[in-house]
Amino acid sequence: MNKILMYDTRKCSDMMLCLRDLINDIMLIDDPYVIDDSSGVLRAVNLRLLKCYEKHDQNYIFVYIDKKVNYSSKYGKSLLGDKVPYGFFQINRSDIVNKAYVREVNDKGLYLYNESLARPIGEKYMPNVLRMLGINDVK
């Protein structure tokens, strides 16, 4: 709501952009789950609490706000598949991050909240990262 109050209501285009951003934020706050029951065991991933995940040859590492969970490549792929979930974007060959948890982007890479080390951004992925974050230039 604060975003809306900061704009002059006479500027309709600013108001529309603000509302679009607000709706996008609300959609990310929603509590979506990805559920897989193909193996007979119910597994669920809460995308709201997932900061990022790493795809490797033998395993997937899901980095939540408070913990890391390792899955075999088979189970990790069955949970998330090949398609990147809404609100997430790929920053290099193995890392896919949640847009909501991005703290800073600079020449060293991308920092997530509660992480002191930068995650490197691949040159191939840089234009998409900047577009997703609405940044024109890296600091």
N, C-alpha and C. Protein backbone atom coordinates (compact mmCIF):
# COMPACT_ATOMS: atom_id res chain seq x y z
N MET A 1 0.81 -1.19 0.00
CA MET A 1 0.00 0.00 0.00
C MET A 1 0.86 1.26 0.00
N ASN A 2 2.02 1.20 0.66
CA ASN A 2 2.89 2.38 0.69
C ASN A 2 3.32 2.78 -0.71
N LYS A 3 3.50 1.80 -1.59
CA LYS A 3 3.91 2.12 -2.96
C LYS A 3 2.85 2.97 -3.64
N ILE A 4 1.59 2.68 -3.40
CA ILE A 4 0.51 3.42 -4.04
C ILE A 4 0.45 4.85 -3.50
N LEU A 5 0.61 5.03 -2.22
CA LEU A 5 0.50 6.35 -1.61
C LEU A 5 1.61 7.29 -2.03
N MET A 6 2.73 6.76 -2.50
CA MET A 6 3.85 7.61 -2.89
C MET A 6 3.63 8.30 -4.23
N TYR A 7 2.68 7.86 -5.03
CA TYR A 7 2.47 8.43 -6.36
C TYR A 7 1.31 9.41 -6.37
N ASP A 8 1.42 10.40 -7.20
CA ASP A 8 0.35 11.37 -7.42
C ASP A 8 -0.77 10.66 -8.18
N THR A 9 -1.97 10.71 -7.64
CA THR A 9 -3.08 9.98 -8.26
C THR A 9 -3.47 10.53 -9.62
N ARG A 10 -3.02 11.73 -9.96
CA ARG A 10 -3.32 12.29 -11.28
C ARG A 10 -2.51 11.62 -12.38
N LYS A 11 -1.46 10.94 -12.01
CA LYS A 11 -0.62 10.27 -13.00
C LYS A 11 -1.07 8.81 -13.10
N CYS A 12 -1.98 8.55 -13.97
CA CYS A 12 -2.56 7.21 -14.08
C CYS A 12 -1.54 6.16 -14.50
N SER A 13 -0.61 6.51 -15.36
CA SER A 13 0.37 5.52 -15.81
C SER A 13 1.24 5.06 -14.65
N ASP A 14 1.64 6.00 -13.78
CA ASP A 14 2.42 5.63 -12.60
C ASP A 14 1.60 4.74 -11.68
N MET A 15 0.32 5.06 -11.53
CA MET A 15 -0.56 4.27 -10.68
C MET A 15 -0.70 2.85 -11.21
N MET A 16 -0.83 2.71 -12.52
CA MET A 16 -0.97 1.38 -13.12
C MET A 16 0.30 0.56 -12.93
N LEU A 17 1.46 1.19 -13.10
CA LEU A 17 2.71 0.48 -12.88
C LEU A 17 2.86 0.07 -11.42
N CYS A 18 2.47 0.95 -10.53
CA CYS A 18 2.54 0.66 -9.11
C CYS A 18 1.62 -0.50 -8.74
N LEU A 19 0.41 -0.49 -9.26
CA LEU A 19 -0.52 -1.58 -8.99
C LEU A 19 -0.01 -2.90 -9.55
N ARG A 20 0.59 -2.85 -10.74
CA ARG A 20 1.15 -4.07 -11.32
C ARG A 20 2.25 -4.64 -10.42
N ASP A 21 3.14 -3.77 -9.91
CA ASP A 21 4.20 -4.22 -9.01
C ASP A 21 3.62 -4.78 -7.72
N LEU A 22 2.60 -4.13 -7.19
CA LEU A 22 1.97 -4.59 -5.96
C LEU A 22 1.34 -5.97 -6.16
N ILE A 23 0.65 -6.17 -7.27
CA ILE A 23 0.04 -7.47 -7.55
C ILE A 23 1.11 -8.53 -7.71
N ASN A 24 2.20 -8.20 -8.38
CA ASN A 24 3.30 -9.16 -8.51
C ASN A 24 3.87 -9.54 -7.15
N ASP A 25 4.03 -8.55 -6.26
CA ASP A 25 4.53 -8.83 -4.91
C ASP A 25 3.57 -9.73 -4.16
N ILE A 26 2.28 -9.48 -4.27
CA ILE A 26 1.29 -10.31 -3.59
C ILE A 26 1.33 -11.74 -4.11
N MET A 27 1.49 -11.89 -5.41
CA MET A 27 1.56 -13.24 -5.98
C MET A 27 2.77 -13.99 -5.44
N LEU A 28 3.87 -13.29 -5.21
CA LEU A 28 5.04 -13.95 -4.64
C LEU A 28 4.84 -14.27 -3.17
N ILE A 29 4.02 -13.49 -2.47
CA ILE A 29 3.77 -13.74 -1.06
C ILE A 29 2.83 -14.92 -0.86
N ASP A 30 2.00 -15.19 -1.86
CA ASP A 30 1.11 -16.33 -1.80
C ASP A 30 1.91 -17.57 -1.42
N ASP A 31 1.26 -18.59 -0.92
CA ASP A 31 1.96 -19.75 -0.39
C ASP A 31 1.89 -20.92 -1.37
N PRO A 32 2.54 -20.84 -2.51
CA PRO A 32 2.41 -21.92 -3.48
C PRO A 32 3.26 -23.12 -3.10
N TYR A 33 2.74 -24.27 -3.39
CA TYR A 33 3.46 -25.52 -3.16
C TYR A 33 3.58 -26.27 -4.47
N VAL A 34 4.70 -26.92 -4.67
CA VAL A 34 4.85 -27.85 -5.77
C VAL A 34 4.78 -29.23 -5.13
N ILE A 35 3.89 -30.07 -5.62
CA ILE A 35 3.65 -31.37 -5.00
C ILE A 35 3.92 -32.48 -6.00
N ASP A 36 4.61 -33.52 -5.54
CA ASP A 36 4.88 -34.69 -6.37
C ASP A 36 4.42 -35.93 -5.61
N ASP A 37 3.52 -36.69 -6.19
CA ASP A 37 3.10 -37.94 -5.57
C ASP A 37 3.27 -39.11 -6.53
N SER A 38 4.12 -38.96 -7.54
CA SER A 38 4.28 -39.99 -8.56
C SER A 38 4.92 -41.26 -8.01
N SER A 39 5.72 -41.14 -6.96
CA SER A 39 6.40 -42.32 -6.42
C SER A 39 5.59 -42.99 -5.31
N GLY A 40 4.40 -42.50 -5.04
CA GLY A 40 3.60 -43.06 -3.96
C GLY A 40 3.84 -42.36 -2.64
N VAL A 41 4.89 -41.53 -2.56
CA VAL A 41 5.19 -40.75 -1.37
C VAL A 41 4.93 -39.30 -1.70
N LEU A 42 4.21 -38.63 -0.84
CA LEU A 42 3.87 -37.22 -1.09
C LEU A 42 5.03 -36.33 -0.67
N ARG A 43 5.55 -35.56 -1.63
CA ARG A 43 6.61 -34.60 -1.34
C ARG A 43 6.12 -33.23 -1.77
N ALA A 44 6.43 -32.21 -0.99
CA ALA A 44 5.99 -30.85 -1.34
C ALA A 44 7.13 -29.87 -1.10
N VAL A 45 7.21 -28.86 -1.95
CA VAL A 45 8.19 -27.79 -1.80
C VAL A 45 7.43 -26.49 -1.64
N ASN A 46 7.67 -25.80 -0.54
CA ASN A 46 7.05 -24.50 -0.32
C ASN A 46 7.90 -23.45 -1.02
N LEU A 47 7.43 -22.97 -2.16
CA LEU A 47 8.21 -22.01 -2.95
C LEU A 47 8.37 -20.67 -2.25
N ARG A 48 7.47 -20.36 -1.35
CA ARG A 48 7.55 -19.08 -0.63
C ARG A 48 8.78 -19.03 0.27
N LEU A 49 9.15 -20.16 0.86
CA LEU A 49 10.29 -20.20 1.78
C LEU A 49 11.59 -20.61 1.10
N LEU A 50 11.52 -20.96 -0.18
CA LEU A 50 12.69 -21.42 -0.92
C LEU A 50 13.46 -20.21 -1.47
N LYS A 51 14.69 -19.98 -0.96
CA LYS A 51 15.51 -18.87 -1.45
C LYS A 51 16.09 -19.18 -2.81
N CYS A 52 16.58 -20.39 -2.98
CA CYS A 52 17.15 -20.79 -4.27
C CYS A 52 17.30 -22.30 -4.28
N TYR A 53 17.58 -22.82 -5.43
CA TYR A 53 17.96 -24.23 -5.51
C TYR A 53 19.08 -24.39 -6.51
N GLU A 54 19.89 -25.42 -6.26
CA GLU A 54 21.06 -25.68 -7.09
C GLU A 54 20.89 -27.03 -7.75
N LYS A 55 21.06 -27.06 -9.07
CA LYS A 55 20.97 -28.31 -9.82
C LYS A 55 22.38 -28.80 -10.12
N HIS A 56 22.67 -30.00 -9.68
CA HIS A 56 23.96 -30.63 -9.97
C HIS A 56 23.68 -31.97 -10.64
N ASP A 57 24.74 -32.63 -11.12
CA ASP A 57 24.55 -33.90 -11.83
C ASP A 57 23.89 -34.97 -10.97
N GLN A 58 24.34 -35.11 -9.73
CA GLN A 58 23.85 -36.18 -8.87
C GLN A 58 22.78 -35.76 -7.86
N ASN A 59 22.65 -34.47 -7.62
CA ASN A 59 21.67 -34.04 -6.61
C ASN A 59 21.17 -32.62 -6.85
N TYR A 60 20.09 -32.32 -6.16
CA TYR A 60 19.53 -30.97 -6.11
C TYR A 60 19.68 -30.50 -4.67
N ILE A 61 20.06 -29.26 -4.47
CA ILE A 61 20.14 -28.68 -3.13
C ILE A 61 19.11 -27.57 -3.05
N PHE A 62 18.14 -27.72 -2.16
CA PHE A 62 17.11 -26.70 -1.95
C PHE A 62 17.53 -25.88 -0.75
N VAL A 63 17.74 -24.58 -0.94
CA VAL A 63 18.17 -23.68 0.14
C VAL A 63 16.95 -22.89 0.60
N TYR A 64 16.45 -23.27 1.78
CA TYR A 64 15.32 -22.57 2.38
C TYR A 64 15.84 -21.44 3.27
N ILE A 65 14.95 -20.67 3.84
CA ILE A 65 15.33 -19.58 4.73
C ILE A 65 16.14 -20.10 5.92
N ASP A 66 15.74 -21.24 6.45
CA ASP A 66 16.35 -21.74 7.67
C ASP A 66 17.14 -23.03 7.53
N LYS A 67 17.17 -23.65 6.35
CA LYS A 67 17.88 -24.93 6.22
C LYS A 67 18.18 -25.23 4.75
N LYS A 68 19.01 -26.26 4.56
CA LYS A 68 19.29 -26.79 3.22
C LYS A 68 18.82 -28.23 3.19
N VAL A 69 18.24 -28.63 2.08
CA VAL A 69 17.78 -30.01 1.92
C VAL A 69 18.37 -30.56 0.63
N ASN A 70 18.99 -31.73 0.72
CA ASN A 70 19.55 -32.39 -0.46
C ASN A 70 18.57 -33.45 -0.95
N TYR A 71 18.35 -33.46 -2.25
CA TYR A 71 17.54 -34.49 -2.89
C TYR A 71 18.38 -35.13 -3.98
N SER A 72 18.12 -36.40 -4.25
CA SER A 72 18.79 -37.01 -5.39
C SER A 72 18.29 -36.32 -6.65
N SER A 73 19.03 -36.47 -7.71
CA SER A 73 18.67 -35.82 -8.97
C SER A 73 17.27 -36.24 -9.43
N LYS A 74 16.95 -37.50 -9.21
CA LYS A 74 15.64 -38.04 -9.62
C LYS A 74 14.50 -37.34 -8.88
N TYR A 75 14.60 -37.24 -7.55
CA TYR A 75 13.52 -36.63 -6.77
C TYR A 75 13.47 -35.11 -6.95
N GLY A 76 14.64 -34.49 -7.03
CA GLY A 76 14.67 -33.04 -7.25
C GLY A 76 14.02 -32.65 -8.56
N LYS A 77 14.31 -33.42 -9.59
CA LYS A 77 13.73 -33.13 -10.91
C LYS A 77 12.23 -33.42 -10.91
N SER A 78 11.80 -34.46 -10.20
CA SER A 78 10.36 -34.75 -10.16
C SER A 78 9.59 -33.68 -9.39
N LEU A 79 10.25 -33.03 -8.42
CA LEU A 79 9.58 -31.97 -7.67
C LEU A 79 9.43 -30.69 -8.48
N LEU A 80 10.50 -30.26 -9.13
CA LEU A 80 10.47 -28.98 -9.82
C LEU A 80 10.47 -29.08 -11.34
N GLY A 81 10.91 -30.20 -11.86
CA GLY A 81 10.93 -30.37 -13.31
C GLY A 81 12.00 -29.50 -13.95
N ASP A 82 11.91 -29.35 -15.26
CA ASP A 82 12.89 -28.56 -16.00
C ASP A 82 12.51 -27.09 -16.08
N LYS A 83 11.25 -26.79 -15.91
CA LYS A 83 10.78 -25.41 -16.03
C LYS A 83 11.04 -24.65 -14.72
N VAL A 84 11.57 -23.44 -14.84
CA VAL A 84 11.84 -22.60 -13.67
C VAL A 84 10.51 -22.05 -13.16
N PRO A 85 10.21 -22.21 -11.84
CA PRO A 85 8.93 -21.73 -11.30
C PRO A 85 8.79 -20.22 -11.40
N TYR A 86 7.54 -19.74 -11.40
CA TYR A 86 7.26 -18.31 -11.45
C TYR A 86 7.89 -17.62 -10.25
N GLY A 87 8.54 -16.49 -10.48
CA GLY A 87 9.19 -15.74 -9.40
C GLY A 87 10.65 -16.13 -9.21
N PHE A 88 11.11 -17.15 -9.94
CA PHE A 88 12.49 -17.60 -9.87
C PHE A 88 13.17 -17.30 -11.20
N PHE A 89 14.49 -17.19 -11.19
CA PHE A 89 15.24 -17.04 -12.44
C PHE A 89 16.62 -17.64 -12.28
N GLN A 90 17.18 -18.06 -13.40
CA GLN A 90 18.47 -18.73 -13.40
C GLN A 90 19.59 -17.71 -13.52
N ILE A 91 20.64 -17.87 -12.66
CA ILE A 91 21.75 -16.92 -12.68
C ILE A 91 23.04 -17.54 -13.21
N ASN A 92 23.13 -18.85 -13.21
CA ASN A 92 24.26 -19.54 -13.82
C ASN A 92 23.83 -20.96 -14.14
N ARG A 93 24.77 -21.79 -14.52
CA ARG A 93 24.42 -23.14 -14.98
C ARG A 93 23.65 -23.95 -13.94
N SER A 94 23.96 -23.74 -12.66
CA SER A 94 23.35 -24.59 -11.63
C SER A 94 22.43 -23.86 -10.65
N ASP A 95 22.50 -22.54 -10.52
CA ASP A 95 21.73 -21.82 -9.50
C ASP A 95 20.48 -21.16 -10.06
N ILE A 96 19.36 -21.42 -9.41
CA ILE A 96 18.09 -20.75 -9.72
C ILE A 96 17.65 -20.07 -8.44
N VAL A 97 17.40 -18.76 -8.47
CA VAL A 97 17.10 -18.01 -7.25
C VAL A 97 15.69 -17.43 -7.27
N ASN A 98 15.17 -17.21 -6.07
CA ASN A 98 13.86 -16.59 -5.88
C ASN A 98 14.04 -15.08 -5.91
N LYS A 99 13.33 -14.42 -6.79
CA LYS A 99 13.45 -12.96 -6.95
C LYS A 99 13.18 -12.22 -5.63
N ALA A 100 12.30 -12.75 -4.81
CA ALA A 100 11.93 -12.08 -3.56
C ALA A 100 13.08 -12.00 -2.56
N TYR A 101 14.09 -12.87 -2.68
CA TYR A 101 15.18 -12.91 -1.71
C TYR A 101 16.47 -12.27 -2.21
N VAL A 102 16.44 -11.60 -3.34
CA VAL A 102 17.64 -10.94 -3.85
C VAL A 102 17.89 -9.67 -3.04
N ARG A 103 19.09 -9.58 -2.49
CA ARG A 103 19.45 -8.41 -1.68
C ARG A 103 20.23 -7.38 -2.48
N GLU A 104 21.18 -7.84 -3.29
CA GLU A 104 22.07 -6.91 -3.99
C GLU A 104 22.68 -7.60 -5.21
N VAL A 105 22.92 -6.82 -6.25
CA VAL A 105 23.64 -7.30 -7.43
C VAL A 105 24.77 -6.32 -7.68
N ASN A 106 25.99 -6.85 -7.81
CA ASN A 106 27.13 -6.00 -8.17
C ASN A 106 28.08 -6.78 -9.06
N ASP A 107 29.29 -6.26 -9.26
CA ASP A 107 30.21 -6.93 -10.18
C ASP A 107 30.71 -8.27 -9.66
N LYS A 108 30.57 -8.55 -8.36
CA LYS A 108 30.98 -9.84 -7.80
C LYS A 108 29.92 -10.92 -8.01
N GLY A 109 28.68 -10.50 -8.14
CA GLY A 109 27.59 -11.46 -8.32
C GLY A 109 26.32 -11.00 -7.65
N LEU A 110 25.51 -11.97 -7.27
CA LEU A 110 24.20 -11.71 -6.69
C LEU A 110 24.21 -12.17 -5.23
N TYR A 111 23.77 -11.32 -4.34
CA TYR A 111 23.69 -11.65 -2.92
C TYR A 111 22.23 -11.90 -2.55
N LEU A 112 21.99 -12.98 -1.80
CA LEU A 112 20.67 -13.26 -1.27
C LEU A 112 20.64 -12.84 0.19
N TYR A 113 19.45 -12.60 0.72
CA TYR A 113 19.32 -12.27 2.14
C TYR A 113 19.89 -13.39 2.98
N ASN A 114 20.54 -13.04 4.08
CA ASN A 114 21.15 -13.97 5.02
C ASN A 114 22.30 -14.76 4.43
N GLU A 115 22.90 -14.28 3.36
CA GLU A 115 24.08 -14.93 2.79
C GLU A 115 25.16 -13.88 2.61
N SER A 116 26.39 -14.22 3.03
CA SER A 116 27.49 -13.26 2.93
C SER A 116 28.31 -13.45 1.66
N LEU A 117 28.19 -14.61 1.02
CA LEU A 117 28.94 -14.86 -0.21
C LEU A 117 28.07 -14.60 -1.43
N ALA A 118 28.69 -13.99 -2.42
CA ALA A 118 27.97 -13.71 -3.67
C ALA A 118 27.86 -14.98 -4.50
N ARG A 119 26.74 -15.13 -5.15
CA ARG A 119 26.57 -16.22 -6.12
C ARG A 119 26.93 -15.64 -7.48
N PRO A 120 27.88 -16.27 -8.17
CA PRO A 120 28.32 -15.71 -9.45
C PRO A 120 27.22 -15.75 -10.50
N ILE A 121 27.16 -14.71 -11.31
CA ILE A 121 26.18 -14.64 -12.40
C ILE A 121 26.92 -14.95 -13.69
N GLY A 122 26.43 -15.95 -14.41
CA GLY A 122 27.03 -16.30 -15.69
C GLY A 122 26.79 -15.21 -16.71
N GLU A 123 27.78 -15.01 -17.57
CA GLU A 123 27.68 -13.96 -18.59
C GLU A 123 26.46 -14.16 -19.48
N LYS A 124 26.17 -15.41 -19.78
CA LYS A 124 25.02 -15.75 -20.63
C LYS A 124 23.69 -15.36 -19.97
N TYR A 125 23.65 -15.42 -18.63
CA TYR A 125 22.41 -15.17 -17.90
C TYR A 125 22.24 -13.72 -17.45
N MET A 126 23.29 -12.92 -17.56
CA MET A 126 23.26 -11.54 -17.05
C MET A 126 22.12 -10.70 -17.62
N PRO A 127 21.86 -10.69 -18.94
CA PRO A 127 20.75 -9.87 -19.45
C PRO A 127 19.40 -10.25 -18.84
N ASN A 128 19.16 -11.54 -18.66
CA ASN A 128 17.90 -11.99 -18.07
C ASN A 128 17.80 -11.59 -16.60
N VAL A 129 18.91 -11.70 -15.87
CA VAL A 129 18.93 -11.31 -14.46
C VAL A 129 18.59 -9.82 -14.32
N LEU A 130 19.24 -8.99 -15.13
CA LEU A 130 18.99 -7.55 -15.06
C LEU A 130 17.55 -7.22 -15.44
N ARG A 131 17.02 -7.91 -16.44
CA ARG A 131 15.63 -7.68 -16.86
C ARG A 131 14.66 -8.08 -15.75
N MET A 132 14.90 -9.24 -15.13
CA MET A 132 14.01 -9.72 -14.06
C MET A 132 14.00 -8.78 -12.86
N LEU A 133 15.16 -8.19 -12.57
CA LEU A 133 15.26 -7.30 -11.40
C LEU A 133 14.97 -5.85 -11.73
N GLY A 134 14.79 -5.55 -13.01
CA GLY A 134 14.50 -4.18 -13.41
C GLY A 134 15.68 -3.25 -13.25
N ILE A 135 16.88 -3.79 -13.47
CA ILE A 135 18.12 -3.02 -13.32
C ILE A 135 18.67 -2.74 -14.70
N ASN A 136 19.12 -1.52 -14.93
CA ASN A 136 19.71 -1.17 -16.22
C ASN A 136 21.21 -1.38 -16.26
N ASP A 137 21.87 -1.26 -15.10
CA ASP A 137 23.32 -1.38 -15.08
C ASP A 137 23.75 -1.95 -13.73
N VAL A 138 24.80 -2.76 -13.72
CA VAL A 138 25.34 -3.33 -12.49
C VAL A 138 26.29 -2.34 -11.86
N LYS A 139 26.25 -2.24 -10.52
CA LYS A 139 27.13 -1.32 -9.79
C LYS A 139 28.58 -1.69 -9.97
